[in-house]
N, C-alpha and C. Protein backbone atom coordinates (compact mmCIF):
# COMPACT_ATOMS: atom_id res chain seq x y z
N MET A 1 -2.04 6.60 9.26
CA MET A 1 -2.36 6.19 7.97
C MET A 1 -2.68 4.73 7.73
N THR A 2 -3.91 5.07 6.99
CA THR A 2 -4.45 3.13 6.96
C THR A 2 -3.41 2.74 5.25
N HIS A 3 -3.33 1.35 5.53
CA HIS A 3 -2.82 0.95 4.03
C HIS A 3 -3.93 0.23 3.61
N ALA A 4 -4.25 -0.06 2.25
CA ALA A 4 -5.28 -1.19 1.98
C ALA A 4 -5.16 -1.32 0.50
N TRP A 5 -5.28 -2.64 0.14
CA TRP A 5 -5.14 -3.34 -0.94
C TRP A 5 -6.61 -4.18 -1.22
N PRO A 6 -7.57 -3.61 -2.17
CA PRO A 6 -8.76 -4.30 -2.41
C PRO A 6 -8.29 -5.87 -3.03
N ASP A 7 -7.78 -6.05 -3.51
CA ASP A 7 -6.90 -7.26 -4.03
C ASP A 7 -6.33 -8.15 -2.91
N GLY A 8 -5.53 -7.24 -2.09
CA GLY A 8 -4.92 -8.20 -1.25
C GLY A 8 -3.43 -8.48 -1.54
N LEU A 9 -2.25 -8.50 -0.87
CA LEU A 9 -1.06 -9.05 -1.33
C LEU A 9 -1.15 -10.14 -0.46
N PRO A 10 -0.18 -11.18 -0.96
CA PRO A 10 -0.04 -12.50 -0.32
C PRO A 10 0.86 -12.94 0.94
N ILE A 11 0.16 -13.59 1.91
CA ILE A 11 0.70 -13.88 2.83
C ILE A 11 0.84 -15.34 3.26
N GLN A 12 2.41 -15.69 3.72
CA GLN A 12 2.26 -16.99 4.42
C GLN A 12 1.50 -17.55 5.30
N VAL A 13 0.85 -18.29 5.36
CA VAL A 13 -0.28 -18.96 6.58
C VAL A 13 0.19 -20.15 6.67
N GLU A 14 0.51 -21.16 7.61
CA GLU A 14 0.84 -22.39 8.18
C GLU A 14 0.06 -22.59 9.15
N THR A 15 -0.65 -22.36 10.24
CA THR A 15 -1.30 -22.99 11.11
C THR A 15 -2.86 -21.94 11.35
N LEU A 16 -3.77 -22.99 11.47
CA LEU A 16 -5.01 -21.74 11.63
C LEU A 16 -5.85 -22.34 12.88
N ASP A 17 -6.20 -21.59 13.93
CA ASP A 17 -7.04 -21.81 14.85
C ASP A 17 -8.49 -22.48 14.63
N GLU A 18 -8.99 -22.46 15.78
CA GLU A 18 -10.07 -23.74 15.46
C GLU A 18 -11.38 -23.54 14.84
N GLN A 19 -11.24 -22.04 14.16
CA GLN A 19 -12.50 -21.37 13.83
C GLN A 19 -12.02 -20.73 12.38
N GLY A 20 -10.87 -21.60 12.02
CA GLY A 20 -9.82 -20.94 10.68
C GLY A 20 -9.49 -19.83 10.47
N ALA A 21 -9.26 -19.23 11.55
CA ALA A 21 -8.41 -17.87 11.45
C ALA A 21 -6.86 -18.14 11.76
N PRO A 22 -5.85 -17.31 10.88
CA PRO A 22 -4.38 -17.64 10.97
C PRO A 22 -4.05 -17.49 12.55
N ARG A 23 -2.86 -18.15 12.97
CA ARG A 23 -2.52 -17.89 14.18
C ARG A 23 -0.85 -17.00 14.32
N ALA A 24 -0.36 -17.33 13.03
CA ALA A 24 0.43 -16.33 12.79
C ALA A 24 0.67 -16.26 11.09
N PHE A 25 1.33 -15.03 10.68
CA PHE A 25 1.62 -15.10 9.33
C PHE A 25 2.20 -14.68 9.13
N GLY A 26 2.91 -15.00 7.70
CA GLY A 26 4.67 -14.07 7.06
C GLY A 26 4.21 -13.17 6.34
N TRP A 27 5.02 -11.61 6.22
CA TRP A 27 4.68 -11.03 5.20
C TRP A 27 5.45 -9.91 5.47
N ARG A 28 6.27 -9.57 4.22
CA ARG A 28 7.54 -8.60 4.08
C ARG A 28 8.29 -8.63 5.12
N GLY A 29 8.80 -10.09 5.10
CA GLY A 29 10.36 -10.71 5.19
C GLY A 29 9.67 -11.14 7.21
N ARG A 30 8.92 -10.48 7.50
CA ARG A 30 8.48 -10.68 8.97
C ARG A 30 7.77 -11.91 9.46
N ASN A 31 7.58 -12.39 10.63
CA ASN A 31 6.72 -13.40 10.79
C ASN A 31 5.92 -12.56 11.81
N TRP A 32 4.44 -12.80 12.12
CA TRP A 32 3.61 -12.44 12.45
C TRP A 32 2.83 -13.40 13.31
N THR A 33 3.02 -12.89 14.70
CA THR A 33 1.79 -13.89 15.78
C THR A 33 0.51 -13.17 16.23
N VAL A 34 -0.40 -14.01 15.75
CA VAL A 34 -1.57 -13.43 16.08
C VAL A 34 -1.93 -13.30 17.50
N GLU A 35 -2.24 -12.15 18.04
CA GLU A 35 -2.40 -12.05 19.46
C GLU A 35 -3.89 -12.13 19.91
N ARG A 36 -4.85 -11.81 18.94
CA ARG A 36 -6.33 -11.60 19.17
C ARG A 36 -6.83 -11.28 17.97
N VAL A 37 -8.29 -12.69 17.43
CA VAL A 37 -8.92 -11.75 16.38
C VAL A 37 -10.20 -11.17 16.72
N VAL A 38 -9.99 -9.97 16.10
CA VAL A 38 -11.06 -8.81 16.40
C VAL A 38 -12.76 -8.89 16.18
N GLN A 39 -12.37 -9.80 15.36
CA GLN A 39 -13.81 -9.64 14.03
C GLN A 39 -13.89 -10.75 12.94
N ARG A 40 -14.65 -11.53 12.40
CA ARG A 40 -14.73 -12.33 11.56
C ARG A 40 -15.82 -12.32 11.04
N TRP A 41 -16.19 -12.22 9.27
CA TRP A 41 -16.89 -12.14 8.37
C TRP A 41 -16.39 -12.73 7.21
N MET A 42 -17.71 -13.13 6.52
CA MET A 42 -17.55 -13.96 5.23
C MET A 42 -18.48 -12.50 3.84
N ILE A 43 -17.55 -13.03 2.81
CA ILE A 43 -18.28 -12.01 1.90
C ILE A 43 -19.03 -13.27 0.66
N ASP A 44 -20.05 -13.14 0.47
CA ASP A 44 -20.38 -14.13 -0.84
C ASP A 44 -21.37 -13.00 -1.78
N THR A 45 -20.60 -12.65 -2.72
CA THR A 45 -21.19 -11.73 -3.65
C THR A 45 -20.68 -11.89 -5.14
N ASP A 46 -21.52 -11.31 -6.29
CA ASP A 46 -20.96 -11.35 -7.26
C ASP A 46 -21.46 -12.65 -8.31
N TRP A 47 -22.27 -13.36 -7.37
CA TRP A 47 -22.73 -14.30 -8.26
C TRP A 47 -23.60 -14.74 -9.59
N TRP A 48 -23.69 -13.12 -10.01
CA TRP A 48 -24.65 -12.75 -11.06
C TRP A 48 -23.40 -12.22 -11.61
N SER A 49 -22.35 -11.80 -12.04
CA SER A 49 -21.65 -10.90 -12.84
C SER A 49 -21.07 -11.90 -13.63
N GLU A 50 -20.37 -11.05 -14.78
CA GLU A 50 -19.36 -11.65 -15.92
C GLU A 50 -18.47 -12.51 -15.05
N ARG A 51 -17.91 -11.55 -14.03
CA ARG A 51 -16.50 -12.13 -13.37
C ARG A 51 -16.67 -13.21 -12.56
N GLY A 52 -17.75 -13.39 -11.62
CA GLY A 52 -17.64 -14.52 -11.29
C GLY A 52 -17.87 -14.48 -9.83
N ARG A 53 -18.38 -15.28 -9.23
CA ARG A 53 -18.81 -15.32 -7.64
C ARG A 53 -17.13 -14.97 -6.65
N LEU A 54 -17.70 -13.99 -5.86
CA LEU A 54 -16.60 -13.53 -4.97
C LEU A 54 -17.08 -14.35 -3.85
N ARG A 55 -16.30 -15.10 -3.01
CA ARG A 55 -16.16 -15.56 -1.93
C ARG A 55 -15.05 -15.62 -0.97
N ARG A 56 -14.98 -15.07 0.37
CA ARG A 56 -13.84 -14.13 0.89
C ARG A 56 -14.64 -14.71 2.60
N PHE A 57 -13.56 -15.45 3.25
CA PHE A 57 -13.45 -15.48 4.64
C PHE A 57 -12.64 -14.38 5.21
N TYR A 58 -13.01 -12.66 6.01
CA TYR A 58 -11.95 -12.19 6.66
C TYR A 58 -11.86 -11.84 7.99
N VAL A 59 -10.65 -11.82 8.76
CA VAL A 59 -10.74 -11.49 9.84
C VAL A 59 -9.56 -10.83 10.09
N ALA A 60 -10.18 -9.42 10.76
CA ALA A 60 -9.86 -8.62 11.44
C ALA A 60 -8.29 -8.99 13.52
N VAL A 61 -7.29 -9.11 12.89
CA VAL A 61 -6.58 -9.10 13.84
C VAL A 61 -5.50 -7.84 14.30
N ILE A 62 -4.93 -8.52 15.72
CA ILE A 62 -3.85 -7.51 16.35
C ILE A 62 -2.84 -8.72 16.37
N THR A 63 -1.78 -8.48 16.04
CA THR A 63 -0.78 -9.23 16.31
C THR A 63 -0.15 -8.93 18.03
N ARG A 64 0.80 -9.63 18.22
CA ARG A 64 1.75 -9.68 19.38
C ARG A 64 2.69 -8.44 19.37
N GLU A 65 3.17 -8.18 18.21
CA GLU A 65 3.41 -6.99 17.84
C GLU A 65 2.94 -5.58 17.91
N GLY A 66 1.75 -5.76 17.97
CA GLY A 66 1.20 -4.61 17.51
C GLY A 66 0.27 -4.12 16.26
N LEU A 67 0.73 -4.91 15.39
CA LEU A 67 0.17 -4.37 14.09
C LEU A 67 -1.74 -4.76 13.81
N LEU A 68 -2.25 -4.02 13.86
CA LEU A 68 -3.94 -4.11 13.19
C LEU A 68 -3.82 -4.49 12.23
N CYS A 69 -4.74 -5.45 11.50
CA CYS A 69 -4.98 -5.78 10.14
C CYS A 69 -6.32 -6.51 9.92
N ALA A 70 -6.27 -6.51 8.40
CA ALA A 70 -7.53 -7.02 8.33
C ALA A 70 -6.77 -8.39 6.77
N LEU A 71 -7.39 -9.57 7.41
CA LEU A 71 -6.68 -10.53 6.19
C LEU A 71 -7.84 -11.32 5.49
N PHE A 72 -7.72 -11.85 4.47
CA PHE A 72 -8.67 -12.81 3.77
C PHE A 72 -8.33 -13.39 3.20
N HIS A 73 -9.37 -14.90 3.38
CA HIS A 73 -8.62 -16.21 2.70
C HIS A 73 -10.04 -16.24 1.24
N ASP A 74 -9.48 -16.33 -0.05
CA ASP A 74 -9.71 -16.26 -1.18
C ASP A 74 -9.80 -18.11 -1.46
N PRO A 75 -10.43 -18.87 -1.82
CA PRO A 75 -10.55 -19.85 -1.90
C PRO A 75 -9.66 -20.29 -3.08
N GLU A 76 -9.72 -19.34 -4.17
CA GLU A 76 -8.76 -19.57 -4.97
C GLU A 76 -7.35 -18.86 -5.06
N GLY A 77 -7.22 -18.33 -3.93
CA GLY A 77 -5.96 -17.42 -4.12
C GLY A 77 -5.16 -17.75 -2.56
N GLY A 78 -5.61 -18.45 -1.83
CA GLY A 78 -5.23 -18.62 -0.63
C GLY A 78 -5.37 -17.21 0.24
N TRP A 79 -4.64 -17.20 1.48
CA TRP A 79 -4.68 -15.92 2.08
C TRP A 79 -3.60 -14.76 2.07
N ARG A 80 -4.50 -13.56 2.16
CA ARG A 80 -4.17 -12.59 1.35
C ARG A 80 -4.44 -11.53 2.98
N ILE A 81 -3.18 -10.19 2.91
CA ILE A 81 -3.45 -9.14 3.69
C ILE A 81 -4.06 -8.02 2.83
N THR A 82 -5.20 -7.72 3.20
CA THR A 82 -6.00 -6.54 2.63
C THR A 82 -5.92 -5.04 3.13
N ARG A 83 -6.02 -4.99 4.90
CA ARG A 83 -5.32 -3.78 5.04
C ARG A 83 -4.97 -3.35 6.52
N VAL A 84 -4.00 -2.64 6.58
CA VAL A 84 -3.33 -2.14 7.86
C VAL A 84 -3.90 -1.07 8.25
N TYR A 85 -4.00 -1.04 9.19
CA TYR A 85 -4.38 0.28 10.26
C TYR A 85 -3.24 1.01 11.03
N ASP A 86 -2.92 2.06 11.18
CA ASP A 86 -1.64 3.11 11.92
C ASP A 86 -2.26 3.23 13.21
């Protein structure tokens, strides 16, 4: 079962790779080491809406522990986890 949080849940990120993806992150009381970045993408939308522009940098990663998940960085809200795949 896939778990998704559209607005994301906060995660702790201390170091990034050369292309801006986390090397490791803390979530739910555990530290997860990123083994591989599977995909990277950027969204820049809603610049026309009353809510305002939404800009996020996403990465799909596989951790050394076998977790496949999607993370994003929001310039106003920091790093967040948005999806975990089972």
